[in-house]
């Protein structure tokens, strides 16, 4: 029996961009949000890693930096999301959902809890019991914060998203007070699942995203990108020194999976 393709509103295109410099990923998100303003678009999820970088939320205080803003150890960007300072680096799986919340729920707190649920469900697939913390945004295993979340929503279209520490070098977090939370340590999955890689976690996270947001996930290769961008991979082909360049697209993912506020602190 041939099944008709799902309605566009029930699809989420997933793009595995590998190692992507922060400015390129930032510009790509803004371009995709602009597409939503022009005409209806499917939901999209960008999955990637970044070379080492620090980002500050739009209202973040410099008091959480342990270095001079004028001479950071890695590039530093102030961006539109909510929340305080955080660190991105290879080995951290970053997700940027570009969703129209009018197709889901026009409730920012609901959306933040859904992103947390994606991480919690992903970790459950690895046999880990993860939890939220009252009054905070993110996901913890025991005392360790494994995932940070910071979003921007404009006309109910989302950008920025979540970062899950899989197998990163955590040294970069020592130069900041991550997310402004001084009393709780940052951790990573390798503390609980030795040897695990981003490539192993990626399909589990996509399955969890499909289940939580009730979307059929389709692996994207090229799409209706803005102007002459040449598709998402044109934005994300640089490497940094000897940093590993992960595989992209079908190198790490299958082709299809089925799944039956401005912002808060990260």
C-alpha atoms as a PDB file:
ATOM      1  CA  UNK A   1       0.000   0.000   0.000  1.00  0.00           C
ATOM      2  CA  UNK A   2       1.389   3.402  -0.977  1.00  0.00           C
ATOM      3  CA  UNK A   3       1.058   6.015   1.745  1.00  0.00           C
ATOM      4  CA  UNK A   4       0.604   9.650   0.710  1.00  0.00           C
ATOM      5  CA  UNK A   5       3.337  12.050   1.814  1.00  0.00           C
ATOM      6  CA  UNK A   6       2.625  13.799   5.109  1.00  0.00           C
ATOM      7  CA  UNK A   7       1.252  17.314   5.055  1.00  0.00           C
ATOM      8  CA  UNK A   8       4.044  19.922   5.048  1.00  0.00           C
ATOM      9  CA  UNK A   9       2.985  21.227   8.450  1.00  0.00           C
ATOM     10  CA  UNK A  10       3.672  17.758   9.940  1.00  0.00           C
ATOM     11  CA  UNK A  11       7.208  17.494   8.549  1.00  0.00           C
ATOM     12  CA  UNK A  12      10.412  18.640  10.170  1.00  0.00           C
ATOM     13  CA  UNK A  13      13.466  18.773   7.934  1.00  0.00           C
ATOM     14  CA  UNK A  14      16.708  17.905   9.740  1.00  0.00           C
ATOM     15  CA  UNK A  15      20.094  19.159   8.542  1.00  0.00           C
ATOM     16  CA  UNK A  16      23.303  17.690   9.964  1.00  0.00           C
ATOM     17  CA  UNK A  17      25.822  20.478   9.365  1.00  0.00           C
ATOM     18  CA  UNK A  18      28.821  18.930  11.094  1.00  0.00           C
ATOM     19  CA  UNK A  19      31.378  21.416  12.428  1.00  0.00           C
ATOM     20  CA  UNK A  20      30.093  24.904  11.649  1.00  0.00           C
ATOM     21  CA  UNK A  21      31.672  28.263  12.593  1.00  0.00           C
ATOM     22  CA  UNK A  22      29.347  30.232  14.837  1.00  0.00           C
ATOM     23  CA  UNK A  23      28.854  33.290  12.577  1.00  0.00           C
ATOM     24  CA  UNK A  24      27.770  31.126   9.637  1.00  0.00           C
ATOM     25  CA  UNK A  25      25.265  29.162  11.731  1.00  0.00           C
ATOM     26  CA  UNK A  26      23.905  32.396  13.193  1.00  0.00           C
ATOM     27  CA  UNK A  27      23.393  33.944   9.755  1.00  0.00           C
ATOM     28  CA  UNK A  28      21.754  30.769   8.458  1.00  0.00           C
ATOM     29  CA  UNK A  29      19.252  30.795  11.325  1.00  0.00           C
ATOM     30  CA  UNK A  30      18.336  34.407  10.630  1.00  0.00           C
ATOM     31  CA  UNK A  31      17.910  33.646   6.933  1.00  0.00           C
ATOM     32  CA  UNK A  32      15.565  30.743   7.695  1.00  0.00           C
ATOM     33  CA  UNK A  33      13.522  32.867  10.105  1.00  0.00           C
ATOM     34  CA  UNK A  34      13.196  35.479   7.359  1.00  0.00           C
ATOM     35  CA  UNK A  35      11.876  32.783   5.006  1.00  0.00           C
ATOM     36  CA  UNK A  36       9.048  32.142   7.481  1.00  0.00           C
ATOM     37  CA  UNK A  37       8.100  35.810   7.276  1.00  0.00           C
ATOM     38  CA  UNK A  38       7.792  35.634   3.496  1.00  0.00           C
ATOM     39  CA  UNK A  39       5.791  32.432   3.124  1.00  0.00           C
ATOM     40  CA  UNK A  40       4.877  29.261   5.053  1.00  0.00           C
ATOM     41  CA  UNK A  41       7.815  26.924   5.655  1.00  0.00           C
ATOM     42  CA  UNK A  42       8.214  23.442   7.115  1.00  0.00           C
ATOM     43  CA  UNK A  43       9.731  23.124  10.553  1.00  0.00           C
ATOM     44  CA  UNK A  44      13.505  22.719  10.375  1.00  0.00           C
ATOM     45  CA  UNK A  45      16.120  21.483  12.838  1.00  0.00           C
ATOM     46  CA  UNK A  46      19.794  22.333  12.334  1.00  0.00           C
ATOM     47  CA  UNK A  47      22.179  19.973  14.152  1.00  0.00           C
ATOM     48  CA  UNK A  48      25.848  20.826  14.372  1.00  0.00           C
ATOM     49  CA  UNK A  49      28.969  21.369  16.430  1.00  0.00           C
ATOM     50  CA  UNK A  50      30.879  24.633  16.778  1.00  0.00           C
ATOM     51  CA  UNK A  51      34.580  25.433  16.984  1.00  0.00           C
ATOM     52  CA  UNK A  52      35.302  26.929  20.440  1.00  0.00           C
ATOM     53  CA  UNK A  53      33.272  30.083  21.046  1.00  0.00           C
ATOM     54  CA  UNK A  54      31.489  31.970  23.832  1.00  0.00           C
ATOM     55  CA  UNK A  55      28.045  33.523  23.443  1.00  0.00           C
ATOM     56  CA  UNK A  56      26.254  36.051  25.635  1.00  0.00           C
ATOM     57  CA  UNK A  57      22.486  36.408  25.746  1.00  0.00           C
ATOM     58  CA  UNK A  58      21.059  39.811  24.874  1.00  0.00           C
ATOM     59  CA  UNK A  59      20.744  40.807  28.531  1.00  0.00           C
ATOM     60  CA  UNK A  60      23.706  38.844  29.896  1.00  0.00           C
ATOM     61  CA  UNK A  61      25.988  40.432  32.465  1.00  0.00           C
ATOM     62  CA  UNK A  62      29.753  40.582  31.975  1.00  0.00           C
ATOM     63  CA  UNK A  63      30.196  39.583  35.621  1.00  0.00           C
ATOM     64  CA  UNK A  64      29.998  35.933  34.559  1.00  0.00           C
ATOM     65  CA  UNK A  65      33.129  36.270  32.415  1.00  0.00           C
ATOM     66  CA  UNK A  66      36.422  35.398  34.121  1.00  0.00           C
ATOM     67  CA  UNK A  67      38.344  37.158  31.359  1.00  0.00           C
ATOM     68  CA  UNK A  68      38.362  40.608  29.819  1.00  0.00           C
ATOM     69  CA  UNK A  69      35.668  41.151  27.216  1.00  0.00           C
ATOM     70  CA  UNK A  70      38.332  42.747  25.018  1.00  0.00           C
ATOM     71  CA  UNK A  71      40.642  39.706  25.088  1.00  0.00           C
ATOM     72  CA  UNK A  72      38.596  36.490  25.291  1.00  0.00           C
ATOM     73  CA  UNK A  73      40.362  33.111  24.984  1.00  0.00           C
ATOM     74  CA  UNK A  74      37.941  32.228  22.165  1.00  0.00           C
ATOM     75  CA  UNK A  75      35.659  34.386  19.977  1.00  0.00           C
ATOM     76  CA  UNK A  76      32.855  36.068  21.940  1.00  0.00           C
ATOM     77  CA  UNK A  77      29.462  37.018  20.496  1.00  0.00           C
ATOM     78  CA  UNK A  78      26.473  38.797  22.020  1.00  0.00           C
ATOM     79  CA  UNK A  79      23.358  37.348  20.406  1.00  0.00           C
ATOM     80  CA  UNK A  80      19.545  37.621  20.534  1.00  0.00           C
ATOM     81  CA  UNK A  81      18.764  34.667  22.777  1.00  0.00           C
ATOM     82  CA  UNK A  82      17.886  34.904  26.428  1.00  0.00           C
ATOM     83  CA  UNK A  83      20.212  33.779  29.176  1.00  0.00           C
ATOM     84  CA  UNK A  84      23.756  34.347  30.352  1.00  0.00           C
ATOM     85  CA  UNK A  85      27.114  33.281  28.921  1.00  0.00           C
ATOM     86  CA  UNK A  86      27.721  29.784  27.581  1.00  0.00           C
ATOM     87  CA  UNK A  87      30.480  27.934  25.751  1.00  0.00           C
ATOM     88  CA  UNK A  88      30.306  25.890  22.553  1.00  0.00           C
ATOM     89  CA  UNK A  89      33.036  23.567  21.303  1.00  0.00           C
ATOM     90  CA  UNK A  90      33.484  20.317  19.331  1.00  0.00           C
ATOM     91  CA  UNK A  91      31.932  17.316  21.053  1.00  0.00           C
ATOM     92  CA  UNK A  92      28.871  19.349  22.031  1.00  0.00           C
ATOM     93  CA  UNK A  93      25.740  18.561  20.005  1.00  0.00           C
ATOM     94  CA  UNK A  94      23.946  21.830  19.255  1.00  0.00           C
ATOM     95  CA  UNK A  95      20.388  22.015  17.951  1.00  0.00           C
ATOM     96  CA  UNK A  96      18.741  25.062  16.398  1.00  0.00           C
ATOM     97  CA  UNK A  97      15.022  24.413  15.759  1.00  0.00           C
ATOM     98  CA  UNK A  98      13.418  26.869  13.331  1.00  0.00           C
ATOM     99  CA  UNK A  99       9.769  26.225  14.189  1.00  0.00           C
ATOM    100  CA  UNK A 100       6.528  28.117  13.752  1.00  0.00           C
ATOM    101  CA  UNK A 101       4.970  27.776  17.189  1.00  0.00           C
ATOM    102  CA  UNK A 102       1.568  28.644  15.745  1.00  0.00           C
ATOM    103  CA  UNK A 103       1.599  25.025  14.502  1.00  0.00           C
ATOM    104  CA  UNK A 104       2.426  23.789  17.992  1.00  0.00           C
ATOM    105  CA  UNK A 105       1.563  25.980  20.991  1.00  0.00           C
ATOM    106  CA  UNK A 106       2.048  29.729  21.243  1.00  0.00           C
ATOM    107  CA  UNK A 107       3.533  29.383  24.700  1.00  0.00           C
ATOM    108  CA  UNK A 108       7.215  30.051  25.341  1.00  0.00           C
ATOM    109  CA  UNK A 109       7.319  28.133  28.614  1.00  0.00           C
ATOM    110  CA  UNK A 110       5.744  25.128  26.884  1.00  0.00           C
ATOM    111  CA  UNK A 111       8.412  25.326  24.182  1.00  0.00           C
ATOM    112  CA  UNK A 112      11.280  25.457  26.687  1.00  0.00           C
ATOM    113  CA  UNK A 113       9.895  22.455  28.542  1.00  0.00           C
ATOM    114  CA  UNK A 114       9.553  20.595  25.223  1.00  0.00           C
ATOM    115  CA  UNK A 115      13.223  21.203  24.418  1.00  0.00           C
ATOM    116  CA  UNK A 116      14.150  19.907  27.860  1.00  0.00           C
ATOM    117  CA  UNK A 117      11.974  16.863  27.222  1.00  0.00           C
ATOM    118  CA  UNK A 118      13.845  16.145  23.978  1.00  0.00           C
ATOM    119  CA  UNK A 119      17.113  15.986  25.931  1.00  0.00           C
ATOM    120  CA  UNK A 120      15.610  13.976  28.797  1.00  0.00           C
ATOM    121  CA  UNK A 121      14.177  11.431  26.357  1.00  0.00           C
ATOM    122  CA  UNK A 122      17.470  11.244  24.446  1.00  0.00           C
ATOM    123  CA  UNK A 123      19.354  10.467  27.635  1.00  0.00           C
ATOM    124  CA  UNK A 124      16.710   7.931  28.658  1.00  0.00           C
ATOM    125  CA  UNK A 125      17.475   6.056  25.429  1.00  0.00           C
ATOM    126  CA  UNK A 126      21.029   5.747  26.795  1.00  0.00           C
ATOM    127  CA  UNK A 127      19.783   4.452  30.131  1.00  0.00           C
ATOM    128  CA  UNK A 128      20.304   7.715  32.010  1.00  0.00           C
ATOM    129  CA  UNK A 129      17.785   9.335  34.318  1.00  0.00           C
ATOM    130  CA  UNK A 130      17.942  13.074  33.639  1.00  0.00           C
ATOM    131  CA  UNK A 131      15.898  15.766  35.311  1.00  0.00           C
ATOM    132  CA  UNK A 132      14.914  19.416  35.318  1.00  0.00           C
ATOM    133  CA  UNK A 133      15.732  21.724  38.211  1.00  0.00           C
ATOM    134  CA  UNK A 134      13.031  23.930  39.723  1.00  0.00           C
ATOM    135  CA  UNK A 135      13.385  27.548  38.671  1.00  0.00           C
ATOM    136  CA  UNK A 136      16.123  26.822  36.116  1.00  0.00           C
ATOM    137  CA  UNK A 137      16.199  25.978  32.425  1.00  0.00           C
ATOM    138  CA  UNK A 138      18.302  23.042  31.238  1.00  0.00           C
ATOM    139  CA  UNK A 139      18.819  19.339  31.915  1.00  0.00           C
ATOM    140  CA  UNK A 140      20.846  17.688  34.671  1.00  0.00           C
ATOM    141  CA  UNK A 141      22.085  14.187  35.456  1.00  0.00           C
ATOM    142  CA  UNK A 142      22.720  14.099  39.178  1.00  0.00           C
ATOM    143  CA  UNK A 143      24.504  17.317  40.082  1.00  0.00           C
ATOM    144  CA  UNK A 144      25.883  17.862  36.573  1.00  0.00           C
ATOM    145  CA  UNK A 145      24.300  20.119  33.988  1.00  0.00           C
ATOM    146  CA  UNK A 146      24.564  18.330  30.640  1.00  0.00           C
ATOM    147  CA  UNK A 147      22.369  20.551  28.470  1.00  0.00           C
ATOM    148  CA  UNK A 148      21.815  24.303  28.214  1.00  0.00           C
ATOM    149  CA  UNK A 149      18.892  25.982  26.465  1.00  0.00           C
ATOM    150  CA  UNK A 150      18.516  29.539  25.211  1.00  0.00           C
ATOM    151  CA  UNK A 151      16.005  30.711  22.614  1.00  0.00           C
ATOM    152  CA  UNK A 152      14.745  33.656  20.623  1.00  0.00           C
ATOM    153  CA  UNK A 153      11.153  33.793  19.359  1.00  0.00           C
ATOM    154  CA  UNK A 154       9.964  36.419  16.886  1.00  0.00           C
ATOM    155  CA  UNK A 155       6.366  36.375  15.626  1.00  0.00           C
ATOM    156  CA  UNK A 156       6.245  32.857  17.078  1.00  0.00           C
ATOM    157  CA  UNK A 157       9.137  31.615  14.900  1.00  0.00           C
ATOM    158  CA  UNK A 158      12.003  30.188  16.941  1.00  0.00           C
ATOM    159  CA  UNK A 159      15.769  30.330  16.625  1.00  0.00           C
ATOM    160  CA  UNK A 160      18.768  29.378  18.785  1.00  0.00           C
ATOM    161  CA  UNK A 161      17.985  26.315  20.902  1.00  0.00           C
ATOM    162  CA  UNK A 162      19.908  23.738  22.934  1.00  0.00           C
ATOM    163  CA  UNK A 163      23.420  22.398  23.490  1.00  0.00           C
ATOM    164  CA  UNK A 164      24.070  18.879  24.828  1.00  0.00           C
ATOM    165  CA  UNK A 165      27.553  18.106  26.120  1.00  0.00           C
ATOM    166  CA  UNK A 166      28.428  14.709  24.661  1.00  0.00           C
ATOM    167  CA  UNK A 167      32.226  14.459  24.577  1.00  0.00           C
ATOM    168  CA  UNK A 168      33.588  18.031  24.707  1.00  0.00           C
ATOM    169  CA  UNK A 169      36.697  19.402  26.368  1.00  0.00           C
ATOM    170  CA  UNK A 170      35.105  21.098  29.375  1.00  0.00           C
ATOM    171  CA  UNK A 171      38.110  23.315  30.049  1.00  0.00           C
ATOM    172  CA  UNK A 172      36.516  26.237  28.209  1.00  0.00           C
ATOM    173  CA  UNK A 173      33.723  26.356  30.797  1.00  0.00           C
ATOM    174  CA  UNK A 174      36.262  27.169  33.519  1.00  0.00           C
ATOM    175  CA  UNK A 175      36.676  30.682  32.102  1.00  0.00           C
ATOM    176  CA  UNK A 176      33.008  31.569  32.699  1.00  0.00           C
ATOM    177  CA  UNK A 177      30.150  31.085  35.138  1.00  0.00           C
ATOM    178  CA  UNK A 178      28.071  28.941  32.760  1.00  0.00           C
ATOM    179  CA  UNK A 179      24.539  30.293  32.387  1.00  0.00           C
ATOM    180  CA  UNK A 180      25.192  32.353  35.513  1.00  0.00           C
ATOM    181  CA  UNK A 181      24.887  29.254  37.742  1.00  0.00           C
ATOM    182  CA  UNK A 182      27.933  29.190  40.007  1.00  0.00           C
ATOM    183  CA  UNK A 183      26.938  26.400  42.386  1.00  0.00           C
ATOM    184  CA  UNK A 184      26.302  23.547  39.921  1.00  0.00           C
ATOM    185  CA  UNK A 185      29.044  21.942  37.791  1.00  0.00           C
ATOM    186  CA  UNK A 186      28.873  21.415  34.042  1.00  0.00           C
ATOM    187  CA  UNK A 187      29.216  17.797  32.957  1.00  0.00           C
ATOM    188  CA  UNK A 188      29.175  15.678  29.824  1.00  0.00           C
ATOM    189  CA  UNK A 189      27.832  12.342  28.651  1.00  0.00           C
ATOM    190  CA  UNK A 190      31.233  10.645  28.656  1.00  0.00           C
ATOM    191  CA  UNK A 191      31.192  10.832  32.461  1.00  0.00           C
ATOM    192  CA  UNK A 192      28.281   8.389  32.380  1.00  0.00           C
ATOM    193  CA  UNK A 193      28.759   6.653  28.999  1.00  0.00           C
ATOM    194  CA  UNK A 194      32.537   6.407  28.418  1.00  0.00           C
ATOM    195  CA  UNK A 195      33.585   6.592  24.781  1.00  0.00           C
ATOM    196  CA  UNK A 196      30.256   7.864  23.461  1.00  0.00           C
ATOM    197  CA  UNK A 197      30.379  10.148  20.416  1.00  0.00           C
ATOM    198  CA  UNK A 198      28.193  12.811  18.851  1.00  0.00           C
ATOM    199  CA  UNK A 199      27.558  10.486  15.897  1.00  0.00           C
ATOM    200  CA  UNK A 200      26.019   7.926  18.275  1.00  0.00           C
ATOM    201  CA  UNK A 201      23.813  10.447  20.059  1.00  0.00           C
ATOM    202  CA  UNK A 202      22.612  12.232  16.916  1.00  0.00           C
ATOM    203  CA  UNK A 203      20.004   9.671  15.727  1.00  0.00           C
ATOM    204  CA  UNK A 204      18.721   9.194  19.278  1.00  0.00           C
ATOM    205  CA  UNK A 205      18.147  12.915  19.626  1.00  0.00           C
ATOM    206  CA  UNK A 206      16.341  13.079  16.293  1.00  0.00           C
ATOM    207  CA  UNK A 207      14.043  10.237  17.347  1.00  0.00           C
ATOM    208  CA  UNK A 208      13.326  12.054  20.599  1.00  0.00           C
ATOM    209  CA  UNK A 209      12.623  15.313  18.756  1.00  0.00           C
ATOM    210  CA  UNK A 210      10.179  13.511  16.465  1.00  0.00           C
ATOM    211  CA  UNK A 211       8.362  11.990  19.433  1.00  0.00           C
ATOM    212  CA  UNK A 212       8.185  15.146  21.536  1.00  0.00           C
ATOM    213  CA  UNK A 213       7.088  17.476  18.715  1.00  0.00           C
ATOM    214  CA  UNK A 214       5.028  14.800  16.904  1.00  0.00           C
ATOM    215  CA  UNK A 215       6.624  15.331  13.536  1.00  0.00           C
ATOM    216  CA  UNK A 216       7.837  13.116  10.734  1.00  0.00           C
ATOM    217  CA  UNK A 217      11.548  13.814  10.405  1.00  0.00           C
ATOM    218  CA  UNK A 218      13.027  13.967   6.914  1.00  0.00           C
ATOM    219  CA  UNK A 219      16.744  14.345   6.373  1.00  0.00           C
ATOM    220  CA  UNK A 220      17.379  17.484   4.337  1.00  0.00           C
ATOM    221  CA  UNK A 221      20.159  17.793   1.777  1.00  0.00           C
ATOM    222  CA  UNK A 222      19.251  21.031   0.008  1.00  0.00           C
ATOM    223  CA  UNK A 223      16.276  23.277   0.542  1.00  0.00           C
ATOM    224  CA  UNK A 224      14.629  26.552  -0.443  1.00  0.00           C
ATOM    225  CA  UNK A 225      17.383  28.662   1.075  1.00  0.00           C
ATOM    226  CA  UNK A 226      17.506  32.411   0.894  1.00  0.00           C
ATOM    227  CA  UNK A 227      19.112  34.046  -2.133  1.00  0.00           C
ATOM    228  CA  UNK A 228      22.224  32.355  -3.464  1.00  0.00           C
ATOM    229  CA  UNK A 229      23.304  30.706  -0.221  1.00  0.00           C
ATOM    230  CA  UNK A 230      23.964  27.390  -1.956  1.00  0.00           C
ATOM    231  CA  UNK A 231      22.253  25.391   0.763  1.00  0.00           C
ATOM    232  CA  UNK A 232      23.138  24.986   4.435  1.00  0.00           C
ATOM    233  CA  UNK A 233      26.456  23.241   3.885  1.00  0.00           C
ATOM    234  CA  UNK A 234      27.943  26.256   2.115  1.00  0.00           C
ATOM    235  CA  UNK A 235      27.694  28.060   5.438  1.00  0.00           C
ATOM    236  CA  UNK A 236      29.430  25.339   7.410  1.00  0.00           C
ATOM    237  CA  UNK A 237      32.501  24.053   5.596  1.00  0.00           C
ATOM    238  CA  UNK A 238      35.298  25.685   7.565  1.00  0.00           C
ATOM    239  CA  UNK A 239      37.538  23.952  10.078  1.00  0.00           C
ATOM    240  CA  UNK A 240      39.507  25.453  12.932  1.00  0.00           C
ATOM    241  CA  UNK A 241      43.120  24.318  13.287  1.00  0.00           C
ATOM    242  CA  UNK A 242      43.215  20.596  13.959  1.00  0.00           C
ATOM    243  CA  UNK A 243      39.612  20.407  15.136  1.00  0.00           C
ATOM    244  CA  UNK A 244      37.864  17.269  13.879  1.00  0.00           C
ATOM    245  CA  UNK A 245      35.393  17.742  11.036  1.00  0.00           C
ATOM    246  CA  UNK A 246      32.490  15.329  11.663  1.00  0.00           C
ATOM    247  CA  UNK A 247      30.590  13.669   8.863  1.00  0.00           C
ATOM    248  CA  UNK A 248      27.501  15.368   7.490  1.00  0.00           C
ATOM    249  CA  UNK A 249      24.087  14.410   6.263  1.00  0.00           C
ATOM    250  CA  UNK A 250      23.702  10.756   5.349  1.00  0.00           C
ATOM    251  CA  UNK A 251      27.179  10.046   6.757  1.00  0.00           C
ATOM    252  CA  UNK A 252      25.665  10.159  10.221  1.00  0.00           C
ATOM    253  CA  UNK A 253      21.898   9.918   9.749  1.00  0.00           C
ATOM    254  CA  UNK A 254      19.272   7.814   8.071  1.00  0.00           C
ATOM    255  CA  UNK A 255      16.878   9.401   5.630  1.00  0.00           C
ATOM    256  CA  UNK A 256      13.594   9.365   7.518  1.00  0.00           C
ATOM    257  CA  UNK A 257      12.277   8.874  11.033  1.00  0.00           C
ATOM    258  CA  UNK A 258       8.703   8.803  12.262  1.00  0.00           C
ATOM    259  CA  UNK A 259       7.406  10.296  15.477  1.00  0.00           C
ATOM    260  CA  UNK A 260       3.848   9.600  16.705  1.00  0.00           C
ATOM    261  CA  UNK A 261       9.263  33.314  26.418  1.00  0.00           C
ATOM    262  CA  UNK A 262      11.403  36.500  24.147  1.00  0.00           C
ATOM    263  CA  UNK A 263      13.359  33.752  25.996  1.00  0.00           C
ATOM    264  CA  UNK A 264      14.403  32.394  29.375  1.00  0.00           C
ATOM    265  CA  UNK A 265      17.856  31.953  30.894  1.00  0.00           C
ATOM    266  CA  UNK A 266      19.973  29.206  29.357  1.00  0.00           C
END
